[in-house]
Amino acid sequence: MPAPFFFGYGSLVNRQTHTYGQARPARLAGWRRAWVHTALRPVAFLSVVPCADTTLDGLIAEVPDADWAALDEREFAYERLPAGGAVRHDLDPLTDIAFYAVPENSRQHATAQHPILLSYLDVVLQGYHQIFGVQGVADFIATTDGWDAPILNDRANPRYPRHQRLSASETAWVDQHLAELQVQVMADPEP
C-alpha cells in the first residue's frame, strides 16, 4: 500500500513552510477556498467549502510514516477529510489522500477582530507564484471567497508562525493584487 498524502491549498503550497516529501502539484475538484474564522484561532485563515463548479490547484505531499499526528496538530482547527477521487494527481491510483476543512458549524466570517494576517497571505501567494506562476496567483484569487474580510498588515512584526521574507518585487505584486481587490488593509496596532 502506498504512503498516504495530503492535499494543501493554502500555506502548504509554499514548500518553505514544511519539509513534507514528494510535494507535487495536484488539483482538488468540487471545492472552493474561503477565508474563515473559528473560535479556535484568533485570526482568519483559509478553508474549503463544497462547490461543484470549482477545481483548486494545490500541492500533495507524503505524510511521513503515515503518522498524521504532526500534520493534524498543525491543522488543529480543521477536520481531516478523505479526498477519494476528488484529487487529480500523478501517483498510484490507490494512494490515500486527505485534505483539511473547517466544519461548517464552526465557520464564521472574518472580522476586524479576527482579520486575515498579511504575513499569512504573503506566504500563500508566494507559494502559488513559485509553483503555478502569475496565472496560479490569479486563479487562487478567483477561486477564493471572502475578500471582503479585513487584512491586518503585520509585515513589520509577522504574527504568522511560518512567515517568509518576500522580495521587494513579491511585496509589490501582492500589494497590487490587494489594491485591485479593493480590500481593507488595517494598520497593525502592535508594530
C-alpha atoms as a PDB file:
ATOM      1  CA  MET A   1       0.000   0.000   0.000  1.00  0.00           C
ATOM      2  CA  PRO A   2       1.467   3.404  -0.941  1.00  0.00           C
ATOM      3  CA  ALA A   3       2.153   6.030   1.733  1.00  0.00           C
ATOM      4  CA  PRO A   4      -0.708   8.465   2.402  1.00  0.00           C
ATOM      5  CA  PHE A   5      -0.609  12.017   1.071  1.00  0.00           C
ATOM      6  CA  PHE A   6      -2.368  15.272   1.947  1.00  0.00           C
ATOM      7  CA  PHE A   7      -3.625  17.978  -0.392  1.00  0.00           C
ATOM      8  CA  GLY A   8      -2.668  21.541   0.580  1.00  0.00           C
ATOM      9  CA  TYR A   9      -4.413  24.568  -0.912  1.00  0.00           C
ATOM     10  CA  GLY A  10      -3.021  27.472   1.151  1.00  0.00           C
ATOM     11  CA  SER A  11       0.226  27.894   3.076  1.00  0.00           C
ATOM     12  CA  LEU A  12       1.167  24.246   2.475  1.00  0.00           C
ATOM     13  CA  VAL A  13       1.673  25.149  -1.203  1.00  0.00           C
ATOM     14  CA  ASN A  14       4.677  27.186  -0.079  1.00  0.00           C
ATOM     15  CA  ARG A  15       7.356  24.499   0.253  1.00  0.00           C
ATOM     16  CA  GLN A  16       9.349  26.765   2.569  1.00  0.00           C
ATOM     17  CA  THR A  17       6.708  26.232   5.295  1.00  0.00           C
ATOM     18  CA  HIS A  18       7.205  22.468   5.610  1.00  0.00           C
ATOM     19  CA  THR A  19       9.525  19.534   4.965  1.00  0.00           C
ATOM     20  CA  TYR A  20       6.982  17.026   3.669  1.00  0.00           C
ATOM     21  CA  GLY A  21       8.452  14.875   0.924  1.00  0.00           C
ATOM     22  CA  GLN A  22       7.350  14.196  -2.623  1.00  0.00           C
ATOM     23  CA  ALA A  23       5.493  17.508  -2.856  1.00  0.00           C
ATOM     24  CA  ARG A  24       3.994  17.959  -6.309  1.00  0.00           C
ATOM     25  CA  PRO A  25       1.152  19.867  -7.977  1.00  0.00           C
ATOM     26  CA  ALA A  26      -2.325  18.345  -7.911  1.00  0.00           C
ATOM     27  CA  ARG A  27      -5.929  19.537  -8.300  1.00  0.00           C
ATOM     28  CA  LEU A  28      -8.943  19.213  -5.977  1.00  0.00           C
ATOM     29  CA  ALA A  29     -12.341  19.166  -7.710  1.00  0.00           C
ATOM     30  CA  GLY A  30     -15.637  20.169  -6.112  1.00  0.00           C
ATOM     31  CA  TRP A  31     -14.278  22.609  -3.525  1.00  0.00           C
ATOM     32  CA  ARG A  32     -13.617  26.348  -3.305  1.00  0.00           C
ATOM     33  CA  ARG A  33     -11.422  28.272  -0.857  1.00  0.00           C
ATOM     34  CA  ALA A  34     -12.877  30.699   1.673  1.00  0.00           C
ATOM     35  CA  TRP A  35     -11.435  32.976   4.322  1.00  0.00           C
ATOM     36  CA  VAL A  36     -13.000  31.894   7.607  1.00  0.00           C
ATOM     37  CA  HIS A  37     -12.668  32.323  11.328  1.00  0.00           C
ATOM     38  CA  THR A  38     -13.371  29.869  14.143  1.00  0.00           C
ATOM     39  CA  ALA A  39     -13.390  30.178  17.911  1.00  0.00           C
ATOM     40  CA  LEU A  40     -10.246  28.008  17.905  1.00  0.00           C
ATOM     41  CA  ARG A  41      -7.995  30.664  16.329  1.00  0.00           C
ATOM     42  CA  PRO A  42      -7.712  34.415  16.889  1.00  0.00           C
ATOM     43  CA  VAL A  43      -7.384  35.286  13.172  1.00  0.00           C
ATOM     44  CA  ALA A  44      -8.985  34.281   9.884  1.00  0.00           C
ATOM     45  CA  PHE A  45      -7.460  31.570   7.719  1.00  0.00           C
ATOM     46  CA  LEU A  46      -8.201  29.538   4.612  1.00  0.00           C
ATOM     47  CA  SER A  47     -10.609  26.638   4.438  1.00  0.00           C
ATOM     48  CA  VAL A  48     -12.508  24.973   1.632  1.00  0.00           C
ATOM     49  CA  VAL A  49     -16.236  24.771   1.082  1.00  0.00           C
ATOM     50  CA  PRO A  50     -18.090  22.497  -1.345  1.00  0.00           C
ATOM     51  CA  CYS A  51     -18.550  23.968  -4.827  1.00  0.00           C
ATOM     52  CA  ALA A  52     -19.313  21.604  -7.695  1.00  0.00           C
ATOM     53  CA  ASP A  53     -18.090  24.068 -10.336  1.00  0.00           C
ATOM     54  CA  THR A  54     -14.620  24.766  -8.907  1.00  0.00           C
ATOM     55  CA  THR A  55     -11.295  22.970  -9.130  1.00  0.00           C
ATOM     56  CA  LEU A  56      -8.380  24.153  -6.999  1.00  0.00           C
ATOM     57  CA  ASP A  57      -4.680  23.958  -7.728  1.00  0.00           C
ATOM     58  CA  GLY A  58      -2.556  22.892  -4.785  1.00  0.00           C
ATOM     59  CA  LEU A  59       0.170  20.511  -3.696  1.00  0.00           C
ATOM     60  CA  ILE A  60       0.059  16.971  -2.472  1.00  0.00           C
ATOM     61  CA  ALA A  61       2.821  15.698  -0.211  1.00  0.00           C
ATOM     62  CA  GLU A  62       3.592  12.490   1.627  1.00  0.00           C
ATOM     63  CA  VAL A  63       2.646  12.039   5.278  1.00  0.00           C
ATOM     64  CA  PRO A  64       5.873  10.651   6.782  1.00  0.00           C
ATOM     65  CA  ASP A  65       5.491   7.127   8.174  1.00  0.00           C
ATOM     66  CA  ALA A  66       1.710   7.512   7.730  1.00  0.00           C
ATOM     67  CA  ASP A  67       1.802   9.478  11.005  1.00  0.00           C
ATOM     68  CA  TRP A  68      -0.892  12.135  10.756  1.00  0.00           C
ATOM     69  CA  ALA A  69      -0.313  13.484  14.310  1.00  0.00           C
ATOM     70  CA  ALA A  70       2.091  16.322  13.418  1.00  0.00           C
ATOM     71  CA  LEU A  71       0.027  17.449  10.447  1.00  0.00           C
ATOM     72  CA  ASP A  72      -3.205  17.210  12.458  1.00  0.00           C
ATOM     73  CA  GLU A  73      -1.550  19.406  15.105  1.00  0.00           C
ATOM     74  CA  ARG A  74      -0.523  21.996  12.518  1.00  0.00           C
ATOM     75  CA  GLU A  75      -4.077  21.967  11.132  1.00  0.00           C
ATOM     76  CA  PHE A  76      -5.769  21.816  14.558  1.00  0.00           C
ATOM     77  CA  ALA A  77      -8.815  23.949  13.709  1.00  0.00           C
ATOM     78  CA  TYR A  78      -9.661  21.738  10.744  1.00  0.00           C
ATOM     79  CA  GLU A  79     -11.237  18.358  10.189  1.00  0.00           C
ATOM     80  CA  ARG A  80      -9.259  15.890   8.060  1.00  0.00           C
ATOM     81  CA  LEU A  81     -11.386  14.570   5.190  1.00  0.00           C
ATOM     82  CA  PRO A  82     -10.726  11.754   2.723  1.00  0.00           C
ATOM     83  CA  ALA A  83     -10.319  13.129  -0.788  1.00  0.00           C
ATOM     84  CA  GLY A  84     -11.492   9.981  -2.539  1.00  0.00           C
ATOM     85  CA  GLY A  85     -11.383  10.615  -6.266  1.00  0.00           C
ATOM     86  CA  ALA A  86     -11.614  14.408  -5.911  1.00  0.00           C
ATOM     87  CA  VAL A  87      -7.842  14.914  -6.217  1.00  0.00           C
ATOM     88  CA  ARG A  88      -6.233  14.624  -9.638  1.00  0.00           C
ATOM     89  CA  HIS A  89      -2.594  13.558  -9.318  1.00  0.00           C
ATOM     90  CA  ASP A  90       0.193  11.542 -10.893  1.00  0.00           C
ATOM     91  CA  LEU A  91       0.541   8.959  -8.096  1.00  0.00           C
ATOM     92  CA  ASP A  92      -0.564   5.356  -7.794  1.00  0.00           C
ATOM     93  CA  PRO A  93      -4.390   5.403  -8.036  1.00  0.00           C
ATOM     94  CA  LEU A  94      -4.596   3.551  -4.702  1.00  0.00           C
ATOM     95  CA  THR A  95      -2.835   6.386  -2.840  1.00  0.00           C
ATOM     96  CA  ASP A  96      -4.820   7.553   0.187  1.00  0.00           C
ATOM     97  CA  ILE A  97      -5.151  11.355   0.033  1.00  0.00           C
ATOM     98  CA  ALA A  98      -6.810  13.616   2.597  1.00  0.00           C
ATOM     99  CA  PHE A  99      -7.372  17.355   2.905  1.00  0.00           C
ATOM    100  CA  TYR A 100      -8.414  19.665   5.706  1.00  0.00           C
ATOM    101  CA  ALA A 101     -11.564  21.796   6.003  1.00  0.00           C
ATOM    102  CA  VAL A 102     -13.181  23.729   8.821  1.00  0.00           C
ATOM    103  CA  PRO A 103     -16.502  22.086   9.725  1.00  0.00           C
ATOM    104  CA  GLU A 104     -19.498  24.107   8.536  1.00  0.00           C
ATOM    105  CA  ASN A 105     -20.858  24.542  12.072  1.00  0.00           C
ATOM    106  CA  SER A 106     -17.535  26.127  13.161  1.00  0.00           C
ATOM    107  CA  ARG A 107     -17.045  28.549  10.249  1.00  0.00           C
ATOM    108  CA  GLN A 108     -17.606  32.251  10.788  1.00  0.00           C
ATOM    109  CA  HIS A 109     -16.808  35.289   8.664  1.00  0.00           C
ATOM    110  CA  ALA A 110     -13.586  37.165   9.212  1.00  0.00           C
ATOM    111  CA  THR A 111     -13.989  40.498  11.005  1.00  0.00           C
ATOM    112  CA  ALA A 112     -11.817  43.384  12.164  1.00  0.00           C
ATOM    113  CA  GLN A 113     -11.459  41.495  15.464  1.00  0.00           C
ATOM    114  CA  HIS A 114     -10.485  38.311  13.542  1.00  0.00           C
ATOM    115  CA  PRO A 115      -8.746  39.546  10.357  1.00  0.00           C
ATOM    116  CA  ILE A 116      -6.615  37.842   7.726  1.00  0.00           C
ATOM    117  CA  LEU A 117      -2.918  38.238   8.547  1.00  0.00           C
ATOM    118  CA  LEU A 118      -0.976  39.776   5.687  1.00  0.00           C
ATOM    119  CA  SER A 119       2.048  37.676   6.712  1.00  0.00           C
ATOM    120  CA  TYR A 120      -0.089  34.548   6.116  1.00  0.00           C
ATOM    121  CA  LEU A 121      -1.454  35.804   2.791  1.00  0.00           C
ATOM    122  CA  ASP A 122       2.097  36.706   1.696  1.00  0.00           C
ATOM    123  CA  VAL A 123       3.206  33.097   2.325  1.00  0.00           C
ATOM    124  CA  VAL A 124       0.260  31.663   0.408  1.00  0.00           C
ATOM    125  CA  LEU A 125       0.658  33.938  -2.620  1.00  0.00           C
ATOM    126  CA  GLN A 126       4.435  33.452  -2.656  1.00  0.00           C
ATOM    127  CA  GLY A 127       3.897  29.692  -2.761  1.00  0.00           C
ATOM    128  CA  TYR A 128       1.329  29.895  -5.554  1.00  0.00           C
ATOM    129  CA  HIS A 129       3.608  32.153  -7.564  1.00  0.00           C
ATOM    130  CA  GLN A 130       6.594  29.827  -7.115  1.00  0.00           C
ATOM    131  CA  ILE A 131       4.660  26.694  -8.105  1.00  0.00           C
ATOM    132  CA  PHE A 132       2.000  27.932 -10.540  1.00  0.00           C
ATOM    133  CA  GLY A 133       3.307  31.313 -11.726  1.00  0.00           C
ATOM    134  CA  VAL A 134       1.371  34.509 -12.353  1.00  0.00           C
ATOM    135  CA  GLN A 135      -1.690  32.621 -13.616  1.00  0.00           C
ATOM    136  CA  GLY A 136      -1.648  30.471 -10.470  1.00  0.00           C
ATOM    137  CA  VAL A 137      -1.908  33.563  -8.279  1.00  0.00           C
ATOM    138  CA  ALA A 138      -4.780  34.892 -10.408  1.00  0.00           C
ATOM    139  CA  ASP A 139      -6.533  31.513 -10.180  1.00  0.00           C
ATOM    140  CA  PHE A 140      -6.001  31.431  -6.405  1.00  0.00           C
ATOM    141  CA  ILE A 141      -7.674  34.821  -6.045  1.00  0.00           C
ATOM    142  CA  ALA A 142     -10.534  33.886  -8.385  1.00  0.00           C
ATOM    143  CA  THR A 143     -11.259  30.613  -6.543  1.00  0.00           C
ATOM    144  CA  THR A 144     -11.215  32.133  -3.050  1.00  0.00           C
ATOM    145  CA  ASP A 145     -14.201  33.762  -1.334  1.00  0.00           C
ATOM    146  CA  GLY A 146     -14.127  36.286   1.481  1.00  0.00           C
ATOM    147  CA  TRP A 147     -12.011  39.071   0.023  1.00  0.00           C
ATOM    148  CA  ASP A 148     -14.332  41.493   1.812  1.00  0.00           C
ATOM    149  CA  ALA A 149     -12.589  40.470   5.052  1.00  0.00           C
ATOM    150  CA  PRO A 150     -10.166  42.970   6.559  1.00  0.00           C
ATOM    151  CA  ILE A 151      -6.443  42.243   6.295  1.00  0.00           C
ATOM    152  CA  LEU A 152      -4.100  43.146   9.147  1.00  0.00           C
ATOM    153  CA  ASN A 153      -0.757  44.464   7.871  1.00  0.00           C
ATOM    154  CA  ASP A 154       1.604  42.635  10.226  1.00  0.00           C
ATOM    155  CA  ARG A 155       4.597  42.554   7.851  1.00  0.00           C
ATOM    156  CA  ALA A 156       6.774  44.625  10.207  1.00  0.00           C
ATOM    157  CA  ASN A 157       6.097  42.163  13.054  1.00  0.00           C
ATOM    158  CA  PRO A 158       4.775  38.936  11.455  1.00  0.00           C
ATOM    159  CA  ARG A 159       2.315  37.003  13.586  1.00  0.00           C
ATOM    160  CA  TYR A 160       2.056  34.034  11.239  1.00  0.00           C
ATOM    161  CA  PRO A 161       4.432  31.416  12.694  1.00  0.00           C
ATOM    162  CA  ARG A 162       5.713  30.205   9.305  1.00  0.00           C
ATOM    163  CA  HIS A 163       6.056  33.641   7.694  1.00  0.00           C
ATOM    164  CA  GLN A 164       8.592  34.049   4.906  1.00  0.00           C
ATOM    165  CA  ARG A 165      10.565  37.042   3.724  1.00  0.00           C
ATOM    166  CA  LEU A 166       9.244  38.378   0.425  1.00  0.00           C
ATOM    167  CA  SER A 167      11.454  40.136  -2.080  1.00  0.00           C
ATOM    168  CA  ALA A 168      10.636  43.738  -2.953  1.00  0.00           C
ATOM    169  CA  SER A 169       9.061  42.623  -6.231  1.00  0.00           C
ATOM    170  CA  GLU A 170       6.958  39.945  -4.480  1.00  0.00           C
ATOM    171  CA  THR A 171       5.747  42.510  -1.939  1.00  0.00           C
ATOM    172  CA  ALA A 172       4.876  44.904  -4.758  1.00  0.00           C
ATOM    173  CA  TRP A 173       2.761  42.395  -6.705  1.00  0.00           C
ATOM    174  CA  VAL A 174       0.970  41.169  -3.552  1.00  0.00           C
ATOM    175  CA  ASP A 175       0.131  44.789  -2.754  1.00  0.00           C
ATOM    176  CA  GLN A 176      -1.000  45.347  -6.357  1.00  0.00           C
ATOM    177  CA  HIS A 177      -3.389  42.371  -6.142  1.00  0.00           C
ATOM    178  CA  LEU A 178      -4.805  43.695  -2.868  1.00  0.00           C
ATOM    179  CA  ALA A 179      -5.329  47.127  -4.433  1.00  0.00           C
ATOM    180  CA  GLU A 180      -7.126  45.545  -7.387  1.00  0.00           C
ATOM    181  CA  LEU A 181      -9.338  43.570  -4.990  1.00  0.00           C
ATOM    182  CA  GLN A 182     -10.020  46.800  -3.063  1.00  0.00           C
ATOM    183  CA  VAL A 183      -9.540  45.001   0.242  1.00  0.00           C
ATOM    184  CA  GLN A 184      -9.410  46.832   3.540  1.00  0.00           C
ATOM    185  CA  VAL A 185      -5.840  46.708   4.868  1.00  0.00           C
ATOM    186  CA  MET A 186      -5.637  47.692   8.534  1.00  0.00           C
ATOM    187  CA  ALA A 187      -2.541  49.033  10.270  1.00  0.00           C
ATOM    188  CA  ASP A 188      -1.129  46.755  12.951  1.00  0.00           C
ATOM    189  CA  PRO A 189      -1.754  48.273  16.403  1.00  0.00           C
ATOM    190  CA  GLU A 190       1.292  46.349  17.707  1.00  0.00           C
ATOM    191  CA  PRO A 191       4.130  47.259  15.286  1.00  0.00           C
END
